[in-house]
Amino acid sequence: MRFMTSSDKPDHATETPAGPSAETAPAPTGVAAQDWATAAADPQYRAAVVDLLGALAYGELAAFERLAEDAKLAPTLEDKAELAKMASAEFHHFERLRNRLAEIGEEPTRAMEPFVAALDGFHRQTAPSDWLEGLVKAYVGDSIASDFYREVAARLDADTRALVLAVLDDTGHAGFAVDRVRAAIDAEPRVGGRLALWARRLMGEALSQSQRVVADRDALSTMLVGGVADGFDLAEVGRMFSRITEAHTKRMAALGLAA
């Protein structure tokens, strides 16, 4: 599942992203050491990557739409302009994914369609009631999805991995969200309790929805549990979710909220 890009390193925190760092990660092996042309010879791996790119592409398109809607709630013209800039960055990410799908001979709309209902459903269930909830959703909820995709990216072929990591780059929303939320809590401390509850709800919904999306796509789920590529074993799944949870806790602290 993909909603919107948020940085793992906001200005107010020194956290590291989920997953091993570039300095400590072992050298790629197996599929992760191959290029797309070699890895795609396995039809099941190819199908899994098409699913992954389709999910990411629709997530980026939905993020663009949501940022445009959030801009309507912005309290100042400066905030509105910042969100418009971020929406533009999300649309460029969508275009890169759409173009990549076309390059490898896949119809982008067809690749995205299986994920529309699930992602739209998530956004309906977690519709923010105000400007601050929208900022927390983008920063906390979307970052959980980004962490998950970074974990998956480490097991992809080199070409696909580079693309996935590029579209997960920060659009500037992380620092913006942290600044605005912390300022709001400083001005009215009671806001913090409400936003902390909201963030915990987002955490649960995002993880549940991600698991459902993967479970519904055979090729993608098979790749993740080791059927193709270098997937996760059960122990690594546990470690992965521990890393994602730890990153979430650090983001909450950056916002000035209790996890």
Protein backbone atom coordinates (compact mmCIF):
# COMPACT_ATOMS: atom_id res chain seq x y z
CA MET A 1 0.00 0.00 0.00
CA ARG A 2 1.22 3.43 -0.82
CA PHE A 3 -0.32 6.73 0.17
CA MET A 4 2.18 9.52 0.10
CA THR A 5 5.86 10.11 0.52
CA SER A 6 7.23 11.23 3.86
CA SER A 7 10.83 11.48 4.92
CA ASP A 8 12.25 9.24 7.60
CA LYS A 9 14.47 12.05 8.87
CA PRO A 10 12.44 15.09 9.86
CA ASP A 11 14.24 18.21 10.99
CA HIS A 12 13.28 17.50 14.60
CA ALA A 13 14.51 13.91 14.75
CA THR A 14 17.58 11.89 13.86
CA GLU A 15 15.90 8.60 13.18
CA THR A 16 16.99 6.10 10.60
CA PRO A 17 14.62 4.51 8.11
CA ALA A 18 13.27 1.03 8.65
CA GLY A 19 15.57 -1.61 7.29
CA PRO A 20 19.37 -1.89 7.31
CA SER A 21 21.40 1.23 6.54
CA ALA A 22 23.57 1.54 3.47
CA GLU A 23 26.66 1.22 5.67
CA THR A 24 25.61 -1.98 7.41
CA ALA A 25 23.52 -3.73 4.73
CA PRO A 26 25.16 -6.80 3.20
CA ALA A 27 26.01 -6.80 -0.50
CA PRO A 28 23.01 -7.76 -2.67
CA THR A 29 22.69 -11.42 -3.62
CA GLY A 30 20.27 -13.45 -5.73
CA VAL A 31 17.64 -11.41 -7.54
CA ALA A 32 18.77 -8.26 -5.72
CA ALA A 33 22.12 -8.53 -7.55
CA GLN A 34 20.45 -8.87 -10.97
CA ASP A 35 19.14 -6.29 -13.41
CA TRP A 36 15.52 -6.22 -14.57
CA ALA A 37 16.14 -8.04 -17.84
CA THR A 38 17.64 -11.02 -16.02
CA ALA A 39 15.23 -11.15 -13.10
CA ALA A 40 12.12 -10.72 -15.27
CA ALA A 41 12.82 -14.01 -16.99
CA ASP A 42 10.95 -15.53 -14.05
CA PRO A 43 7.27 -14.88 -14.88
CA GLN A 44 6.22 -15.02 -11.23
CA TYR A 45 8.79 -12.41 -10.25
CA ARG A 46 7.71 -10.23 -13.14
CA ALA A 47 4.06 -10.48 -12.04
CA ALA A 48 5.04 -9.53 -8.48
CA VAL A 49 6.92 -6.44 -9.66
CA VAL A 50 4.02 -5.38 -11.88
CA ASP A 51 1.75 -5.64 -8.82
CA LEU A 52 4.19 -3.64 -6.73
CA LEU A 53 4.55 -0.88 -9.32
CA GLY A 54 0.79 -0.80 -9.86
CA ALA A 55 0.14 -0.39 -6.14
CA LEU A 56 2.76 2.33 -5.85
CA ALA A 57 1.48 4.15 -8.93
CA TYR A 58 -2.08 4.30 -7.69
CA GLY A 59 -0.84 5.33 -4.26
CA GLU A 60 1.06 8.25 -5.78
CA LEU A 61 -1.96 9.29 -7.84
CA ALA A 62 -4.16 9.15 -4.75
CA ALA A 63 -1.58 11.16 -2.81
CA PHE A 64 -1.67 13.86 -5.47
CA GLU A 65 -5.46 14.02 -5.26
CA ARG A 66 -5.45 14.08 -1.46
CA LEU A 67 -2.88 16.85 -1.23
CA ALA A 68 -4.96 18.95 -3.59
CA GLU A 69 -7.96 18.39 -1.30
CA ASP A 70 -5.93 19.11 1.84
CA ALA A 71 -4.85 22.40 0.35
CA LYS A 72 -8.46 23.56 0.64
CA LEU A 73 -8.19 23.19 4.43
CA ALA A 74 -4.90 25.06 4.67
CA PRO A 75 -5.19 27.98 7.11
CA THR A 76 -2.82 30.28 5.20
CA LEU A 77 -1.88 31.03 1.62
CA GLU A 78 1.67 29.95 2.38
CA ASP A 79 0.44 26.54 3.56
CA LYS A 80 -1.74 26.20 0.47
CA ALA A 81 1.22 26.92 -1.81
CA GLU A 82 3.42 24.40 0.02
CA LEU A 83 0.85 21.66 -0.40
CA ALA A 84 0.44 22.49 -4.08
CA LYS A 85 4.20 22.07 -4.55
CA MET A 86 4.11 18.71 -2.77
CA ALA A 87 1.13 17.56 -4.85
CA SER A 88 3.12 18.33 -7.98
CA ALA A 89 6.03 16.20 -6.72
CA GLU A 90 3.68 13.28 -6.04
CA PHE A 91 2.28 13.51 -9.56
CA HIS A 92 5.79 13.38 -11.01
CA HIS A 93 6.40 10.21 -8.98
CA PHE A 94 3.21 8.76 -10.45
CA GLU A 95 4.39 9.61 -13.96
CA ARG A 96 7.69 7.80 -13.42
CA LEU A 97 5.91 4.64 -12.29
CA ARG A 98 3.35 4.85 -15.09
CA ASN A 99 6.12 5.29 -17.65
CA ARG A 100 8.07 2.37 -16.23
CA LEU A 101 5.07 0.08 -16.48
CA ALA A 102 4.64 1.09 -20.11
CA GLU A 103 8.37 0.53 -20.77
CA ILE A 104 8.17 -3.07 -19.61
CA GLY A 105 5.11 -3.73 -21.76
CA GLU A 106 2.39 -3.41 -19.12
CA GLU A 107 -0.75 -1.28 -19.37
CA PRO A 108 -0.52 1.11 -16.38
CA THR A 109 -4.23 1.38 -15.72
CA ARG A 110 -4.63 -2.39 -15.68
CA ALA A 111 -1.71 -2.70 -13.25
CA MET A 112 -3.26 -0.14 -10.89
CA GLU A 113 -6.87 -1.36 -10.96
CA PRO A 114 -6.50 -4.26 -8.46
CA PHE A 115 -5.48 -1.76 -5.74
CA VAL A 116 -8.05 0.97 -6.26
CA ALA A 117 -10.77 -0.44 -3.99
CA ALA A 118 -8.42 -1.23 -1.10
CA LEU A 119 -6.63 2.12 -1.14
CA ASP A 120 -9.80 4.13 -1.62
CA GLY A 121 -11.35 2.17 1.23
CA PHE A 122 -8.44 3.00 3.51
CA HIS A 123 -8.77 6.69 2.75
CA ARG A 124 -12.52 6.62 3.40
CA GLN A 125 -11.98 4.92 6.76
CA THR A 126 -9.29 7.39 7.78
CA ALA A 127 -10.65 10.64 6.41
CA PRO A 128 -9.23 13.47 8.56
CA SER A 129 -11.69 15.81 10.27
CA ASP A 130 -9.42 18.85 10.12
CA TRP A 131 -6.14 20.27 8.87
CA LEU A 132 -4.00 18.85 11.68
CA GLU A 133 -5.37 15.33 11.34
CA GLY A 134 -4.59 15.53 7.62
CA LEU A 135 -0.98 16.45 8.35
CA VAL A 136 -0.59 13.62 10.87
CA LYS A 137 -2.11 11.15 8.42
CA ALA A 138 0.33 12.13 5.69
CA TYR A 139 3.35 12.07 7.97
CA VAL A 140 2.60 9.04 10.16
CA GLY A 141 0.25 6.88 8.12
CA ASP A 142 1.98 7.27 4.79
CA SER A 143 5.43 6.76 6.28
CA ILE A 144 4.41 3.31 7.50
CA ALA A 145 3.70 2.33 3.90
CA SER A 146 6.99 3.89 2.78
CA ASP A 147 8.89 1.85 5.37
CA PHE A 148 7.24 -1.33 4.13
CA TYR A 149 8.14 -0.60 0.51
CA ARG A 150 11.74 0.16 1.46
CA GLU A 151 11.95 -3.24 3.12
CA VAL A 152 10.60 -4.87 -0.04
CA ALA A 153 12.89 -2.81 -2.28
CA ALA A 154 15.98 -4.37 -0.71
CA ARG A 155 14.92 -7.68 -2.29
CA LEU A 156 14.15 -6.39 -5.79
CA ASP A 157 16.34 -6.36 -8.88
CA ALA A 158 18.68 -3.38 -9.11
CA ASP A 159 16.66 -1.45 -11.72
CA THR A 160 13.34 -1.81 -9.94
CA ARG A 161 14.92 -1.12 -6.56
CA ALA A 162 16.37 2.18 -7.79
CA LEU A 163 13.00 3.30 -9.13
CA VAL A 164 11.08 2.34 -5.98
CA LEU A 165 13.54 4.14 -3.71
CA ALA A 166 13.45 7.21 -5.96
CA VAL A 167 9.66 7.55 -5.76
CA LEU A 168 9.81 7.14 -1.99
CA ASP A 169 11.97 10.25 -1.74
CA ASP A 170 10.70 13.00 0.53
CA THR A 171 8.54 15.64 -1.18
CA GLY A 172 9.09 18.07 1.69
CA HIS A 173 5.96 17.09 3.59
CA ALA A 174 7.76 15.61 6.59
CA GLY A 175 9.41 18.74 7.91
CA PHE A 176 6.36 20.79 7.00
CA ALA A 177 4.02 18.48 8.94
CA VAL A 178 6.29 18.35 11.99
CA ASP A 179 6.62 22.14 12.15
CA ARG A 180 2.89 22.78 11.85
CA VAL A 181 1.80 20.05 14.28
CA ARG A 182 4.33 20.98 16.96
CA ALA A 183 3.35 24.63 16.67
CA ALA A 184 -0.32 23.72 17.10
CA ILE A 185 0.43 21.62 20.20
CA ASP A 186 2.54 24.41 21.69
CA ALA A 187 -0.35 26.81 21.16
CA GLU A 188 -2.97 24.42 22.53
CA PRO A 189 -1.53 21.40 24.43
CA ARG A 190 -4.90 19.60 24.53
CA VAL A 191 -4.59 19.04 20.78
CA GLY A 192 -1.76 16.58 21.44
CA GLY A 193 -3.97 13.96 23.09
CA ARG A 194 -6.45 13.93 20.24
CA LEU A 195 -3.74 13.70 17.61
CA ALA A 196 -1.94 10.91 19.48
CA LEU A 197 -5.12 8.80 19.45
CA TRP A 198 -5.58 9.56 15.77
CA ALA A 199 -2.00 8.50 14.97
CA ARG A 200 -2.42 5.20 16.83
CA ARG A 201 -5.56 4.48 14.83
CA LEU A 202 -3.69 5.23 11.60
CA MET A 203 -0.91 2.84 12.59
CA GLY A 204 -3.33 -0.04 13.05
CA GLU A 205 -5.33 0.69 9.90
CA ALA A 206 -2.23 1.10 7.72
CA LEU A 207 -0.65 -2.18 8.82
CA SER A 208 -3.92 -4.10 8.46
CA GLN A 209 -4.60 -2.69 5.02
CA SER A 210 -1.07 -3.42 3.82
CA GLN A 211 -1.38 -7.04 4.91
CA ARG A 212 -4.74 -7.40 3.15
CA VAL A 213 -3.45 -5.92 -0.09
CA VAL A 214 -0.48 -8.29 -0.15
CA ALA A 215 -2.59 -11.32 0.77
CA ASP A 216 -4.96 -10.66 -2.13
CA ARG A 217 -2.17 -10.78 -4.73
CA ASP A 218 -0.65 -14.24 -5.06
CA ALA A 219 2.51 -13.23 -6.94
CA LEU A 220 3.29 -10.41 -4.52
CA SER A 221 2.68 -12.46 -1.39
CA THR A 222 4.75 -15.33 -2.77
CA MET A 223 7.66 -13.01 -3.43
CA LEU A 224 7.51 -11.56 0.07
CA VAL A 225 7.59 -14.93 1.80
CA GLY A 226 10.45 -16.27 -0.29
CA GLY A 227 8.78 -18.08 -3.16
CA VAL A 228 10.62 -15.90 -5.66
CA ALA A 229 13.48 -13.46 -5.18
CA ASP A 230 15.01 -13.38 -1.70
CA GLY A 231 11.85 -13.12 0.34
CA PHE A 232 11.28 -12.88 4.06
CA ASP A 233 11.19 -15.89 6.33
CA LEU A 234 8.90 -15.78 9.36
CA ALA A 235 11.62 -14.54 11.68
CA GLU A 236 12.52 -11.74 9.30
CA VAL A 237 8.86 -10.74 9.00
CA GLY A 238 8.85 -10.22 12.75
CA ARG A 239 12.04 -8.17 12.62
CA MET A 240 10.66 -6.12 9.75
CA PHE A 241 7.54 -5.15 11.66
CA SER A 242 9.66 -4.36 14.72
CA ARG A 243 11.70 -1.93 12.62
CA ILE A 244 8.55 -0.34 11.20
CA THR A 245 7.08 0.04 14.69
CA GLU A 246 10.31 1.57 16.00
CA ALA A 247 10.35 4.10 13.16
CA HIS A 248 6.71 4.96 13.91
CA THR A 249 7.57 5.61 17.57
CA LYS A 250 10.36 7.98 16.53
CA ARG A 251 8.03 9.88 14.20
CA MET A 252 5.52 10.27 16.98
CA ALA A 253 8.25 11.72 19.16
CA ALA A 254 9.21 14.12 16.37
CA LEU A 255 5.63 15.36 16.35
CA GLY A 256 5.62 15.75 20.12
CA LEU A 257 3.09 12.93 20.53
CA ALA A 258 3.08 9.82 22.71
CA ALA A 259 3.26 6.58 20.71
